[in-house]
PDB file of all heavy atoms in Angstrom:
ATOM      1  N   ASP A   1       1.053 -11.358   1.636  1.00  0.00           N
ATOM      2  CA  ASP A   1       0.000 -11.951   0.782  1.00  0.00           C
ATOM      3  C   ASP A   1      -1.394 -11.368   1.100  1.00  0.00           C
ATOM      4  O   ASP A   1      -2.411 -11.938   0.713  1.00  0.00           O
ATOM      5  CB  ASP A   1      -0.009 -13.491   0.965  1.00  0.00           C
ATOM      6  CG  ASP A   1      -0.315 -13.921   2.351  1.00  0.00           C
ATOM      7  OD1 ASP A   1      -0.186 -13.116   3.287  1.00  0.00           O
ATOM      8  OD2 ASP A   1      -0.720 -15.100   2.528  1.00  0.00           O
ATOM      9  N   VAL A   2      -1.420 -10.236   1.807  1.00  0.00           N
ATOM     10  CA  VAL A   2      -2.677  -9.640   2.206  1.00  0.00           C
ATOM     11  C   VAL A   2      -2.899  -8.317   1.474  1.00  0.00           C
ATOM     12  O   VAL A   2      -2.015  -7.499   1.430  1.00  0.00           O
ATOM     13  CB  VAL A   2      -2.752  -9.394   3.740  1.00  0.00           C
ATOM     14  CG1 VAL A   2      -4.106  -8.840   4.125  1.00  0.00           C
ATOM     15  CG2 VAL A   2      -2.443 -10.659   4.470  1.00  0.00           C
ATOM     16  N   LEU A   3      -4.089  -8.165   0.921  1.00  0.00           N
ATOM     17  CA  LEU A   3      -4.456  -6.899   0.217  1.00  0.00           C
ATOM     18  C   LEU A   3      -5.493  -6.158   1.085  1.00  0.00           C
ATOM     19  O   LEU A   3      -6.506  -6.701   1.415  1.00  0.00           O
ATOM     20  CB  LEU A   3      -5.069  -7.230  -1.172  1.00  0.00           C
ATOM     21  CG  LEU A   3      -5.574  -6.051  -1.959  1.00  0.00           C
ATOM     22  CD1 LEU A   3      -4.434  -5.126  -2.372  1.00  0.00           C
ATOM     23  CD2 LEU A   3      -6.290  -6.554  -3.213  1.00  0.00           C
ATOM     24  N   TYR A   4      -5.092  -4.950   1.500  1.00  0.00           N
ATOM     25  CA  TYR A   4      -6.003  -4.093   2.295  1.00  0.00           C
ATOM     26  C   TYR A   4      -6.587  -3.004   1.390  1.00  0.00           C
ATOM     27  O   TYR A   4      -5.837  -2.340   0.680  1.00  0.00           O
ATOM     28  CB  TYR A   4      -5.242  -3.472   3.437  1.00  0.00           C
ATOM     29  CG  TYR A   4      -4.813  -4.390   4.494  1.00  0.00           C
ATOM     30  CD1 TYR A   4      -3.536  -4.946   4.515  1.00  0.00           C
ATOM     31  CD2 TYR A   4      -5.669  -4.733   5.583  1.00  0.00           C
ATOM     32  CE1 TYR A   4      -3.078  -5.819   5.490  1.00  0.00           C
ATOM     33  CE2 TYR A   4      -5.269  -5.587   6.559  1.00  0.00           C
ATOM     34  CZ  TYR A   4      -3.962  -6.119   6.556  1.00  0.00           C
ATOM     35  OH  TYR A   4      -3.596  -6.997   7.504  1.00  0.00           O
ATOM     36  N   LEU A   5      -7.924  -2.893   1.446  1.00  0.00           N
ATOM     37  CA  LEU A   5      -8.590  -1.849   0.661  1.00  0.00           C
ATOM     38  C   LEU A   5      -9.354  -0.930   1.652  1.00  0.00           C
ATOM     39  O   LEU A   5     -10.001  -1.447   2.606  1.00  0.00           O
ATOM     40  CB  LEU A   5      -9.577  -2.446  -0.298  1.00  0.00           C
ATOM     41  CG  LEU A   5      -8.965  -3.457  -1.327  1.00  0.00           C
ATOM     42  CD1 LEU A   5     -10.085  -3.942  -2.238  1.00  0.00           C
ATOM     43  CD2 LEU A   5      -7.865  -2.807  -2.114  1.00  0.00           C
ATOM     44  N   VAL A   6      -9.318   0.343   1.386  1.00  0.00           N
ATOM     45  CA  VAL A   6      -9.961   1.325   2.195  1.00  0.00           C
ATOM     46  C   VAL A   6     -10.649   2.314   1.280  1.00  0.00           C
ATOM     47  O   VAL A   6     -10.076   2.803   0.318  1.00  0.00           O
ATOM     48  CB  VAL A   6      -9.013   2.101   3.147  1.00  0.00           C
ATOM     49  CG1 VAL A   6      -9.755   3.128   3.949  1.00  0.00           C
ATOM     50  CG2 VAL A   6      -8.283   1.106   4.054  1.00  0.00           C
ATOM     51  N   ALA A   7     -11.904   2.705   1.581  1.00  0.00           N
ATOM     52  CA  ALA A   7     -12.622   3.714   0.869  1.00  0.00           C
ATOM     53  C   ALA A   7     -13.186   4.679   1.877  1.00  0.00           C
ATOM     54  O   ALA A   7     -13.855   4.229   2.819  1.00  0.00           O
ATOM     55  CB  ALA A   7     -13.757   3.121  -0.001  1.00  0.00           C
ATOM     56  N   THR A   8     -12.911   5.965   1.690  1.00  0.00           N
ATOM     57  CA  THR A   8     -13.414   6.972   2.655  1.00  0.00           C
ATOM     58  C   THR A   8     -14.330   7.921   1.923  1.00  0.00           C
ATOM     59  O   THR A   8     -14.234   8.194   0.740  1.00  0.00           O
ATOM     60  CB  THR A   8     -12.237   7.777   3.227  1.00  0.00           C
ATOM     61  OG1 THR A   8     -11.537   8.469   2.173  1.00  0.00           O
ATOM     62  CG2 THR A   8     -11.244   6.864   3.966  1.00  0.00           C
ATOM     63  N   MET A   9     -15.330   8.429   2.696  1.00  0.00           N
ATOM     64  CA  MET A   9     -16.289   9.411   2.170  1.00  0.00           C
ATOM     65  C   MET A   9     -15.886  10.864   2.479  1.00  0.00           C
ATOM     66  O   MET A   9     -16.542  11.818   2.088  1.00  0.00           O
ATOM     67  CB  MET A   9     -17.673   9.164   2.688  1.00  0.00           C
ATOM     68  CG  MET A   9     -18.325   7.942   2.080  1.00  0.00           C
ATOM     69  SD  MET A   9     -20.013   7.697   2.696  1.00  0.00           S
ATOM     70  CE  MET A   9     -20.964   9.005   1.803  1.00  0.00           C
ATOM     71  N   GLY A  10     -14.825  11.019   3.302  1.00  0.00           N
ATOM     72  CA  GLY A  10     -14.449  12.356   3.713  1.00  0.00           C
ATOM     73  C   GLY A  10     -15.282  12.846   4.904  1.00  0.00           C
ATOM     74  O   GLY A  10     -16.053  12.114   5.471  1.00  0.00           O
ATOM     75  N   GLU A  11     -15.051  14.082   5.265  1.00  0.00           N
ATOM     76  CA  GLU A  11     -15.754  14.665   6.402  1.00  0.00           C
ATOM     77  C   GLU A  11     -17.229  14.952   6.044  1.00  0.00           C
ATOM     78  O   GLU A  11     -17.496  15.547   5.042  1.00  0.00           O
ATOM     79  CB  GLU A  11     -15.067  15.975   6.786  1.00  0.00           C
ATOM     80  CG  GLU A  11     -15.640  16.647   8.012  1.00  0.00           C
ATOM     81  CD  GLU A  11     -14.918  17.948   8.371  1.00  0.00           C
ATOM     82  OE1 GLU A  11     -13.693  17.815   8.682  1.00  0.00           O
ATOM     83  OE2 GLU A  11     -15.544  18.993   8.338  1.00  0.00           O
ATOM     84  N   LYS A  12     -18.124  14.515   6.904  1.00  0.00           N
ATOM     85  CA  LYS A  12     -19.584  14.766   6.764  1.00  0.00           C
ATOM     86  C   LYS A  12     -20.093  15.483   7.948  1.00  0.00           C
ATOM     87  O   LYS A  12     -19.633  15.285   9.083  1.00  0.00           O
ATOM     88  CB  LYS A  12     -20.330  13.466   6.558  1.00  0.00           C
ATOM     89  CG  LYS A  12     -19.869  12.629   5.309  1.00  0.00           C
ATOM     90  CD  LYS A  12     -20.105  13.408   4.037  1.00  0.00           C
ATOM     91  CE  LYS A  12     -19.648  12.622   2.839  1.00  0.00           C
ATOM     92  NZ  LYS A  12     -19.650  13.445   1.648  1.00  0.00           N
ATOM     93  N   PRO A  13     -21.085  16.349   7.766  1.00  0.00           N
ATOM     94  CA  PRO A  13     -21.541  17.274   8.873  1.00  0.00           C
ATOM     95  C   PRO A  13     -22.479  16.597   9.878  1.00  0.00           C
ATOM     96  O   PRO A  13     -22.770  17.173  10.939  1.00  0.00           O
ATOM     97  CB  PRO A  13     -22.298  18.378   8.094  1.00  0.00           C
ATOM     98  CG  PRO A  13     -22.782  17.699   6.883  1.00  0.00           C
ATOM     99  CD  PRO A  13     -21.763  16.686   6.496  1.00  0.00           C
ATOM    100  N   THR A  14     -22.964  15.405   9.554  1.00  0.00           N
ATOM    101  CA  THR A  14     -23.959  14.714  10.449  1.00  0.00           C
ATOM    102  C   THR A  14     -23.696  13.220  10.426  1.00  0.00           C
ATOM    103  O   THR A  14     -22.979  12.697   9.613  1.00  0.00           O
ATOM    104  CB  THR A  14     -25.409  14.967  10.039  1.00  0.00           C
ATOM    105  OG1 THR A  14     -25.642  14.320   8.765  1.00  0.00           O
ATOM    106  CG2 THR A  14     -25.722  16.494   9.880  1.00  0.00           C
ATOM    107  N   SER A  15     -24.454  12.539  11.256  1.00  0.00           N
ATOM    108  CA  SER A  15     -24.496  11.089  11.222  1.00  0.00           C
ATOM    109  C   SER A  15     -25.405  10.662  10.023  1.00  0.00           C
ATOM    110  O   SER A  15     -25.988  11.516   9.405  1.00  0.00           O
ATOM    111  CB  SER A  15     -25.040  10.508  12.525  1.00  0.00           C
ATOM    112  OG  SER A  15     -26.388  10.935  12.705  1.00  0.00           O
ATOM    113  N   GLY A  16     -25.416   9.386   9.763  1.00  0.00           N
ATOM    114  CA  GLY A  16     -26.299   8.904   8.701  1.00  0.00           C
ATOM    115  C   GLY A  16     -25.633   8.608   7.362  1.00  0.00           C
ATOM    116  O   GLY A  16     -26.290   8.127   6.469  1.00  0.00           O
ATOM    117  N   TYR A  17     -24.379   8.891   7.262  1.00  0.00           N
ATOM    118  CA  TYR A  17     -23.582   8.603   5.994  1.00  0.00           C
ATOM    119  C   TYR A  17     -22.914   7.248   6.194  1.00  0.00           C
ATOM    120  O   TYR A  17     -22.428   6.964   7.260  1.00  0.00           O
ATOM    121  CB  TYR A  17     -22.580   9.653   5.730  1.00  0.00           C
ATOM    122  CG  TYR A  17     -23.183  10.997   5.323  1.00  0.00           C
ATOM    123  CD1 TYR A  17     -23.556  11.954   6.289  1.00  0.00           C
ATOM    124  CD2 TYR A  17     -23.394  11.318   3.995  1.00  0.00           C
ATOM    125  CE1 TYR A  17     -24.074  13.165   5.943  1.00  0.00           C
ATOM    126  CE2 TYR A  17     -23.958  12.547   3.599  1.00  0.00           C
ATOM    127  CZ  TYR A  17     -24.287  13.420   4.609  1.00  0.00           C
ATOM    128  OH  TYR A  17     -24.851  14.625   4.238  1.00  0.00           O
ATOM    129  N   GLU A  18     -22.845   6.499   5.104  1.00  0.00           N
ATOM    130  CA  GLU A  18     -22.213   5.193   5.184  1.00  0.00           C
ATOM    131  C   GLU A  18     -21.681   4.803   3.812  1.00  0.00           C
ATOM    132  O   GLU A  18     -22.271   5.076   2.801  1.00  0.00           O
ATOM    133  CB  GLU A  18     -23.227   4.154   5.650  1.00  0.00           C
ATOM    134  CG  GLU A  18     -22.667   2.853   5.993  1.00  0.00           C
ATOM    135  CD  GLU A  18     -23.730   1.914   6.571  1.00  0.00           C
ATOM    136  OE1 GLU A  18     -24.623   2.341   7.345  1.00  0.00           O
ATOM    137  OE2 GLU A  18     -23.639   0.704   6.228  1.00  0.00           O
ATOM    138  N   ILE A  19     -20.559   4.054   3.832  1.00  0.00           N
ATOM    139  CA  ILE A  19     -20.006   3.445   2.612  1.00  0.00           C
ATOM    140  C   ILE A  19     -19.758   2.006   2.942  1.00  0.00           C
ATOM    141  O   ILE A  19     -19.184   1.716   4.035  1.00  0.00           O
ATOM    142  CB  ILE A  19     -18.763   4.218   2.146  1.00  0.00           C
ATOM    143  CG1 ILE A  19     -18.271   3.621   0.764  1.00  0.00           C
ATOM    144  CG2 ILE A  19     -17.634   4.271   3.153  1.00  0.00           C
ATOM    145  CD1 ILE A  19     -17.281   4.531   0.016  1.00  0.00           C
ATOM    146  N   THR A  20     -20.097   1.110   2.020  1.00  0.00           N
ATOM    147  CA  THR A  20     -20.069  -0.320   2.306  1.00  0.00           C
ATOM    148  C   THR A  20     -19.568  -1.094   1.055  1.00  0.00           C
ATOM    149  O   THR A  20     -20.050  -0.820  -0.050  1.00  0.00           O
ATOM    150  CB  THR A  20     -21.438  -0.842   2.665  1.00  0.00           C
ATOM    151  OG1 THR A  20     -21.964  -0.059   3.737  1.00  0.00           O
ATOM    152  CG2 THR A  20     -21.386  -2.317   3.147  1.00  0.00           C
ATOM    153  N   PHE A  21     -18.671  -2.052   1.235  1.00  0.00           N
ATOM    154  CA  PHE A  21     -18.260  -2.945   0.203  1.00  0.00           C
ATOM    155  C   PHE A  21     -19.451  -3.927  -0.050  1.00  0.00           C
ATOM    156  O   PHE A  21     -20.014  -4.492   0.914  1.00  0.00           O
ATOM    157  CB  PHE A  21     -17.056  -3.775   0.637  1.00  0.00           C
ATOM    158  CG  PHE A  21     -15.754  -3.057   0.520  1.00  0.00           C
ATOM    159  CD1 PHE A  21     -15.237  -2.433   1.640  1.00  0.00           C
ATOM    160  CD2 PHE A  21     -15.074  -2.942  -0.632  1.00  0.00           C
ATOM    161  CE1 PHE A  21     -14.031  -1.728   1.595  1.00  0.00           C
ATOM    162  CE2 PHE A  21     -13.875  -2.245  -0.735  1.00  0.00           C
ATOM    163  CZ  PHE A  21     -13.355  -1.624   0.389  1.00  0.00           C
ATOM    164  N   VAL A  22     -19.857  -4.103  -1.295  1.00  0.00           N
ATOM    165  CA  VAL A  22     -20.961  -4.957  -1.614  1.00  0.00           C
ATOM    166  C   VAL A  22     -20.539  -6.169  -2.515  1.00  0.00           C
ATOM    167  O   VAL A  22     -21.310  -7.102  -2.692  1.00  0.00           O
ATOM    168  CB  VAL A  22     -22.133  -4.259  -2.267  1.00  0.00           C
ATOM    169  CG1 VAL A  22     -22.752  -3.281  -1.259  1.00  0.00           C
ATOM    170  CG2 VAL A  22     -21.765  -3.531  -3.539  1.00  0.00           C
ATOM    171  N   GLY A  23     -19.319  -6.102  -3.119  1.00  0.00           N
ATOM    172  CA  GLY A  23     -18.910  -7.194  -3.956  1.00  0.00           C
ATOM    173  C   GLY A  23     -17.567  -6.890  -4.583  1.00  0.00           C
ATOM    174  O   GLY A  23     -17.026  -5.793  -4.458  1.00  0.00           O
ATOM    175  N   TYR A  24     -17.001  -7.932  -5.201  1.00  0.00           N
ATOM    176  CA  TYR A  24     -15.722  -7.789  -5.867  1.00  0.00           C
ATOM    177  C   TYR A  24     -15.587  -8.856  -6.973  1.00  0.00           C
ATOM    178  O   TYR A  24     -16.343  -9.784  -7.030  1.00  0.00           O
ATOM    179  CB  TYR A  24     -14.541  -7.893  -4.875  1.00  0.00           C
ATOM    180  CG  TYR A  24     -14.279  -9.324  -4.395  1.00  0.00           C
ATOM    181  CD1 TYR A  24     -13.280 -10.083  -4.935  1.00  0.00           C
ATOM    182  CD2 TYR A  24     -15.040  -9.865  -3.362  1.00  0.00           C
ATOM    183  CE1 TYR A  24     -13.077 -11.350  -4.499  1.00  0.00           C
ATOM    184  CE2 TYR A  24     -14.854 -11.158  -2.887  1.00  0.00           C
ATOM    185  CZ  TYR A  24     -13.841 -11.889  -3.466  1.00  0.00           C
ATOM    186  OH  TYR A  24     -13.576 -13.161  -3.063  1.00  0.00           O
ATOM    187  N   ARG A  25     -14.632  -8.612  -7.819  1.00  0.00           N
ATOM    188  CA  ARG A  25     -14.321  -9.573  -8.911  1.00  0.00           C
ATOM    189  C   ARG A  25     -12.816  -9.537  -9.100  1.00  0.00           C
ATOM    190  O   ARG A  25     -12.218  -8.525  -9.412  1.00  0.00           O
ATOM    191  CB  ARG A  25     -15.049  -9.142 -10.218  1.00  0.00           C
ATOM    192  CG  ARG A  25     -14.732 -10.070 -11.372  1.00  0.00           C
ATOM    193  CD  ARG A  25     -15.469  -9.677 -12.653  1.00  0.00           C
ATOM    194  NE  ARG A  25     -15.236  -8.255 -12.964  1.00  0.00           N
ATOM    195  CZ  ARG A  25     -16.144  -7.401 -13.377  1.00  0.00           C
ATOM    196  NH1 ARG A  25     -17.447  -7.797 -13.463  1.00  0.00           N
ATOM    197  NH2 ARG A  25     -15.856  -6.165 -13.629  1.00  0.00           N
ATOM    198  N   GLU A  26     -12.213 -10.736  -8.924  1.00  0.00           N
ATOM    199  CA  GLU A  26     -10.767 -10.916  -9.236  1.00  0.00           C
ATOM    200  C   GLU A  26     -10.665 -11.242 -10.711  1.00  0.00           C
ATOM    201  O   GLU A  26     -11.384 -12.124 -11.183  1.00  0.00           O
ATOM    202  CB  GLU A  26     -10.157 -11.990  -8.426  1.00  0.00           C
ATOM    203  CG  GLU A  26      -9.934 -11.636  -6.935  1.00  0.00           C
ATOM    204  CD  GLU A  26      -9.236 -12.731  -6.200  1.00  0.00           C
ATOM    205  OE1 GLU A  26      -8.073 -12.999  -6.511  1.00  0.00           O
ATOM    206  OE2 GLU A  26      -9.848 -13.271  -5.286  1.00  0.00           O
ATOM    207  N   ASN A  27      -9.826 -10.573 -11.426  1.00  0.00           N
ATOM    208  CA  ASN A  27      -9.704 -10.817 -12.828  1.00  0.00           C
ATOM    209  C   ASN A  27      -8.353 -11.521 -13.155  1.00  0.00           C
ATOM    210  O   ASN A  27      -7.406 -11.367 -12.464  1.00  0.00           O
ATOM    211  CB  ASN A  27      -9.738  -9.454 -13.615  1.00  0.00           C
ATOM    212  CG  ASN A  27     -11.014  -8.697 -13.273  1.00  0.00           C
ATOM    213  OD1 ASN A  27     -12.103  -9.212 -13.410  1.00  0.00           O
ATOM    214  ND2 ASN A  27     -10.829  -7.488 -12.746  1.00  0.00           N
ATOM    215  N   GLN A  28      -8.338 -12.272 -14.273  1.00  0.00           N
ATOM    216  CA  GLN A  28      -7.189 -12.999 -14.673  1.00  0.00           C
ATOM    217  C   GLN A  28      -5.979 -12.126 -15.069  1.00  0.00           C
ATOM    218  O   GLN A  28      -4.855 -12.571 -15.050  1.00  0.00           O
ATOM    219  CB  GLN A  28      -7.496 -13.950 -15.848  1.00  0.00           C
ATOM    220  CG  GLN A  28      -8.437 -15.079 -15.443  1.00  0.00           C
ATOM    221  CD  GLN A  28      -7.843 -15.979 -14.404  1.00  0.00           C
ATOM    222  OE1 GLN A  28      -6.703 -16.422 -14.474  1.00  0.00           O
ATOM    223  NE2 GLN A  28      -8.613 -16.267 -13.349  1.00  0.00           N
ATOM    224  N   ASP A  29      -6.222 -10.819 -15.337  1.00  0.00           N
ATOM    225  CA  ASP A  29      -5.150  -9.939 -15.727  1.00  0.00           C
ATOM    226  C   ASP A  29      -4.529  -9.214 -14.508  1.00  0.00           C
ATOM    227  O   ASP A  29      -3.973  -8.160 -14.608  1.00  0.00           O
ATOM    228  CB  ASP A  29      -5.675  -8.864 -16.754  1.00  0.00           C
ATOM    229  CG  ASP A  29      -6.745  -7.995 -16.185  1.00  0.00           C
ATOM    230  OD1 ASP A  29      -7.231  -8.219 -15.059  1.00  0.00           O
ATOM    231  OD2 ASP A  29      -7.118  -7.053 -16.893  1.00  0.00           O
ATOM    232  N   HIS A  30      -4.686  -9.822 -13.319  1.00  0.00           N
ATOM    233  CA  HIS A  30      -4.076  -9.308 -12.094  1.00  0.00           C
ATOM    234  C   HIS A  30      -4.698  -7.951 -11.656  1.00  0.00           C
ATOM    235  O   HIS A  30      -4.016  -7.110 -11.094  1.00  0.00           O
ATOM    236  CB  HIS A  30      -2.562  -9.165 -12.166  1.00  0.00           C
ATOM    237  CG  HIS A  30      -1.911 -10.521 -12.484  1.00  0.00           C
ATOM    238  ND1 HIS A  30      -1.691 -11.443 -11.471  1.00  0.00           N
ATOM    239  CD2 HIS A  30      -1.451 -11.064 -13.631  1.00  0.00           C
ATOM    240  CE1 HIS A  30      -1.152 -12.543 -12.023  1.00  0.00           C
ATOM    241  NE2 HIS A  30      -0.993 -12.321 -13.303  1.00  0.00           N
ATOM    242  N   THR A  31      -5.942  -7.773 -11.980  1.00  0.00           N
ATOM    243  CA  THR A  31      -6.706  -6.601 -11.499  1.00  0.00           C
ATOM    244  C   THR A  31      -7.861  -7.106 -10.660  1.00  0.00           C
ATOM    245  O   THR A  31      -8.223  -8.296 -10.715  1.00  0.00           O
ATOM    246  CB  THR A  31      -7.275  -5.766 -12.660  1.00  0.00           C
ATOM    247  OG1 THR A  31      -8.207  -6.534 -13.420  1.00  0.00           O
ATOM    248  CG2 THR A  31      -6.150  -5.277 -13.584  1.00  0.00           C
ATOM    249  N   MET A  32      -8.423  -6.203  -9.891  1.00  0.00           N
ATOM    250  CA  MET A  32      -9.617  -6.515  -9.103  1.00  0.00           C
ATOM    251  C   MET A  32     -10.582  -5.355  -9.233  1.00  0.00           C
ATOM    252  O   MET A  32     -10.155  -4.186  -9.216  1.00  0.00           O
ATOM    253  CB  MET A  32      -9.205  -6.674  -7.644  1.00  0.00           C
ATOM    254  CG  MET A  32     -10.378  -6.984  -6.707  1.00  0.00           C
ATOM    255  SD  MET A  32      -9.871  -7.126  -4.948  1.00  0.00           S
ATOM    256  CE  MET A  32      -9.372  -8.847  -4.937  1.00  0.00           C
ATOM    257  N   ASP A  33     -11.820  -5.645  -9.411  1.00  0.00           N
ATOM    258  CA  ASP A  33     -12.915  -4.663  -9.313  1.00  0.00           C
ATOM    259  C   ASP A  33     -13.598  -4.833  -7.991  1.00  0.00           C
ATOM    260  O   ASP A  33     -13.975  -5.930  -7.650  1.00  0.00           O
ATOM    261  CB  ASP A  33     -13.887  -4.875 -10.450  1.00  0.00           C
ATOM    262  CG  ASP A  33     -13.338  -4.529 -11.815  1.00  0.00           C
ATOM    263  OD1 ASP A  33     -13.250  -3.339 -12.118  1.00  0.00           O
ATOM    264  OD2 ASP A  33     -12.963  -5.465 -12.546  1.00  0.00           O
ATOM    265  N   VAL A  34     -13.739  -3.726  -7.247  1.00  0.00           N
ATOM    266  CA  VAL A  34     -14.492  -3.769  -5.980  1.00  0.00           C
ATOM    267  C   VAL A  34     -15.657  -2.811  -6.129  1.00  0.00           C
ATOM    268  O   VAL A  34     -15.586  -1.757  -6.758  1.00  0.00           O
ATOM    269  CB  VAL A  34     -13.653  -3.428  -4.822  1.00  0.00           C
ATOM    270  CG1 VAL A  34     -12.625  -4.510  -4.527  1.00  0.00           C
ATOM    271  CG2 VAL A  34     -12.995  -2.087  -4.889  1.00  0.00           C
ATOM    272  N   PHE A  35     -16.825  -3.190  -5.570  1.00  0.00           N
ATOM    273  CA  PHE A  35     -18.011  -2.446  -5.665  1.00  0.00           C
ATOM    274  C   PHE A  35     -18.471  -2.011  -4.278  1.00  0.00           C
ATOM    275  O   PHE A  35     -18.518  -2.798  -3.351  1.00  0.00           O
ATOM    276  CB  PHE A  35     -19.107  -3.330  -6.361  1.00  0.00           C
ATOM    277  CG  PHE A  35     -18.673  -3.863  -7.712  1.00  0.00           C
ATOM    278  CD1 PHE A  35     -18.035  -5.099  -7.826  1.00  0.00           C
ATOM    279  CD2 PHE A  35     -18.849  -3.110  -8.851  1.00  0.00           C
ATOM    280  CE1 PHE A  35     -17.597  -5.545  -9.036  1.00  0.00           C
ATOM    281  CE2 PHE A  35     -18.428  -3.569 -10.051  1.00  0.00           C
ATOM    282  CZ  PHE A  35     -17.789  -4.774 -10.207  1.00  0.00           C
ATOM    283  N   LEU A  36     -18.798  -0.744  -4.212  1.00  0.00           N
ATOM    284  CA  LEU A  36     -19.252  -0.155  -2.911  1.00  0.00           C
ATOM    285  C   LEU A  36     -20.516   0.599  -3.157  1.00  0.00           C
ATOM    286  O   LEU A  36     -20.812   1.068  -4.281  1.00  0.00           O
ATOM    287  CB  LEU A  36     -18.172   0.809  -2.363  1.00  0.00           C
ATOM    288  CG  LEU A  36     -16.818   0.200  -2.028  1.00  0.00           C
ATOM    289  CD1 LEU A  36     -15.818   0.491  -3.108  1.00  0.00           C
ATOM    290  CD2 LEU A  36     -16.374   0.693  -0.708  1.00  0.00           C
ATOM    291  N   GLU A  37     -21.277   0.771  -2.100  1.00  0.00           N
ATOM    292  CA  GLU A  37     -22.473   1.636  -2.124  1.00  0.00           C
ATOM    293  C   GLU A  37     -22.419   2.558  -0.990  1.00  0.00           C
ATOM    294  O   GLU A  37     -21.890   2.277   0.077  1.00  0.00           O
ATOM    295  CB  GLU A  37     -23.739   0.756  -2.052  1.00  0.00           C
ATOM    296  CG  GLU A  37     -24.008  -0.062  -3.300  1.00  0.00           C
ATOM    297  CD  GLU A  37     -25.331  -0.812  -3.262  1.00  0.00           C
ATOM    298  OE1 GLU A  37     -25.999  -0.805  -2.222  1.00  0.00           O
ATOM    299  OE2 GLU A  37     -25.618  -1.438  -4.310  1.00  0.00           O
ATOM    300  N   THR A  38     -22.971   3.738  -1.220  1.00  0.00           N
ATOM    301  CA  THR A  38     -23.048   4.750  -0.192  1.00  0.00           C
ATOM    302  C   THR A  38     -24.502   5.025   0.166  1.00  0.00           C
ATOM    303  O   THR A  38     -25.420   4.790  -0.644  1.00  0.00           O
ATOM    304  CB  THR A  38     -22.415   6.077  -0.639  1.00  0.00           C
ATOM    305  OG1 THR A  38     -23.111   6.580  -1.775  1.00  0.00           O
ATOM    306  CG2 THR A  38     -20.933   5.908  -0.974  1.00  0.00           C
ATOM    307  N   THR A  39     -24.706   5.474   1.391  1.00  0.00           N
ATOM    308  CA  THR A  39     -26.022   5.916   1.804  1.00  0.00           C
ATOM    309  C   THR A  39     -25.887   7.296   2.474  1.00  0.00           C
ATOM    310  O   THR A  39     -24.791   7.547   3.082  1.00  0.00           O
ATOM    311  CB  THR A  39     -26.728   4.939   2.788  1.00  0.00           C
ATOM    312  OG1 THR A  39     -25.869   4.720   3.901  1.00  0.00           O
ATOM    313  CG2 THR A  39     -27.043   3.678   2.123  1.00  0.00           C
ATOM    314  N   GLU A  40     -26.861   8.094   2.314  1.00  0.00           N
ATOM    315  CA  GLU A  40     -26.889   9.407   2.968  1.00  0.00           C
ATOM    316  C   GLU A  40     -28.208   9.528   3.691  1.00  0.00           C
ATOM    317  O   GLU A  40     -29.190   8.917   3.296  1.00  0.00           O
ATOM    318  CB  GLU A  40     -26.760  10.558   1.929  1.00  0.00           C
ATOM    319  CG  GLU A  40     -25.449  10.498   1.152  1.00  0.00           C
ATOM    320  CD  GLU A  40     -25.389  11.619   0.113  1.00  0.00           C
ATOM    321  OE1 GLU A  40     -26.316  12.427  -0.034  1.00  0.00           O
ATOM    322  OE2 GLU A  40     -24.333  11.662  -0.582  1.00  0.00           O
ATOM    323  N   PRO A  41     -28.261  10.364   4.731  1.00  0.00           N
ATOM    324  CA  PRO A  41     -29.499  10.506   5.438  1.00  0.00           C
ATOM    325  C   PRO A  41     -30.542  11.203   4.544  1.00  0.00           C
ATOM    326  O   PRO A  41     -30.227  12.073   3.741  1.00  0.00           O
ATOM    327  CB  PRO A  41     -29.117  11.391   6.649  1.00  0.00           C
ATOM    328  CG  PRO A  41     -27.863  12.063   6.265  1.00  0.00           C
ATOM    329  CD  PRO A  41     -27.162  11.179   5.273  1.00  0.00           C
ATOM    330  N   ALA A  42     -31.793  10.754   4.733  1.00  0.00           N
ATOM    331  CA  ALA A  42     -32.926  11.416   4.003  1.00  0.00           C
ATOM    332  C   ALA A  42     -33.093  12.823   4.564  1.00  0.00           C
ATOM    333  O   ALA A  42     -32.708  13.132   5.691  1.00  0.00           O
ATOM    334  CB  ALA A  42     -34.175  10.604   4.122  1.00  0.00           C
ATOM    335  N   GLU A  43     -33.676  13.712   3.739  1.00  0.00           N
ATOM    336  CA  GLU A  43     -33.857  15.068   4.208  1.00  0.00           C
ATOM    337  C   GLU A  43     -34.640  15.167   5.514  1.00  0.00           C
ATOM    338  O   GLU A  43     -34.335  16.027   6.350  1.00  0.00           O
ATOM    339  CB  GLU A  43     -34.570  15.910   3.142  1.00  0.00           C
ATOM    340  CG  GLU A  43     -33.669  16.254   1.932  1.00  0.00           C
ATOM    341  CD  GLU A  43     -34.368  17.128   0.950  1.00  0.00           C
ATOM    342  OE1 GLU A  43     -35.297  17.931   1.325  1.00  0.00           O
ATOM    343  OE2 GLU A  43     -34.064  17.029  -0.273  1.00  0.00           O
ATOM    344  N   ASP A  44     -35.605  14.325   5.702  1.00  0.00           N
ATOM    345  CA  ASP A  44     -36.433  14.428   6.905  1.00  0.00           C
ATOM    346  C   ASP A  44     -35.990  13.472   8.027  1.00  0.00           C
ATOM    347  O   ASP A  44     -36.648  13.303   9.023  1.00  0.00           O
ATOM    348  CB  ASP A  44     -37.890  14.151   6.557  1.00  0.00           C
ATOM    349  CG  ASP A  44     -38.108  12.774   5.918  1.00  0.00           C
ATOM    350  OD1 ASP A  44     -37.115  12.130   5.528  1.00  0.00           O
ATOM    351  OD2 ASP A  44     -39.298  12.381   5.767  1.00  0.00           O
ATOM    352  N   GLU A  45     -34.838  12.834   7.835  1.00  0.00           N
ATOM    353  CA  GLU A  45     -34.340  11.867   8.840  1.00  0.00           C
ATOM    354  C   GLU A  45     -33.669  12.635   9.992  1.00  0.00           C
ATOM    355  O   GLU A  45     -32.928  13.559   9.762  1.00  0.00           O
ATOM    356  CB  GLU A  45     -33.285  10.938   8.137  1.00  0.00           C
ATOM    357  CG  GLU A  45     -32.766   9.880   9.025  1.00  0.00           C
ATOM    358  CD  GLU A  45     -31.839   8.921   8.308  1.00  0.00           C
ATOM    359  OE1 GLU A  45     -31.798   8.930   7.044  1.00  0.00           O
ATOM    360  OE2 GLU A  45     -31.075   8.224   9.006  1.00  0.00           O
TER     361      GLU A  45
END
């Protein structure tokens, strides 16, 4: 009864990259929408 979700960004050349779950919606038609956001380092970071 457990649903595991994983989202990967792949190989990145530096630190400062991130992917995060920010929300979800369970739908009556047995689907789910999940929302993620990514961040990347700024050029001068």
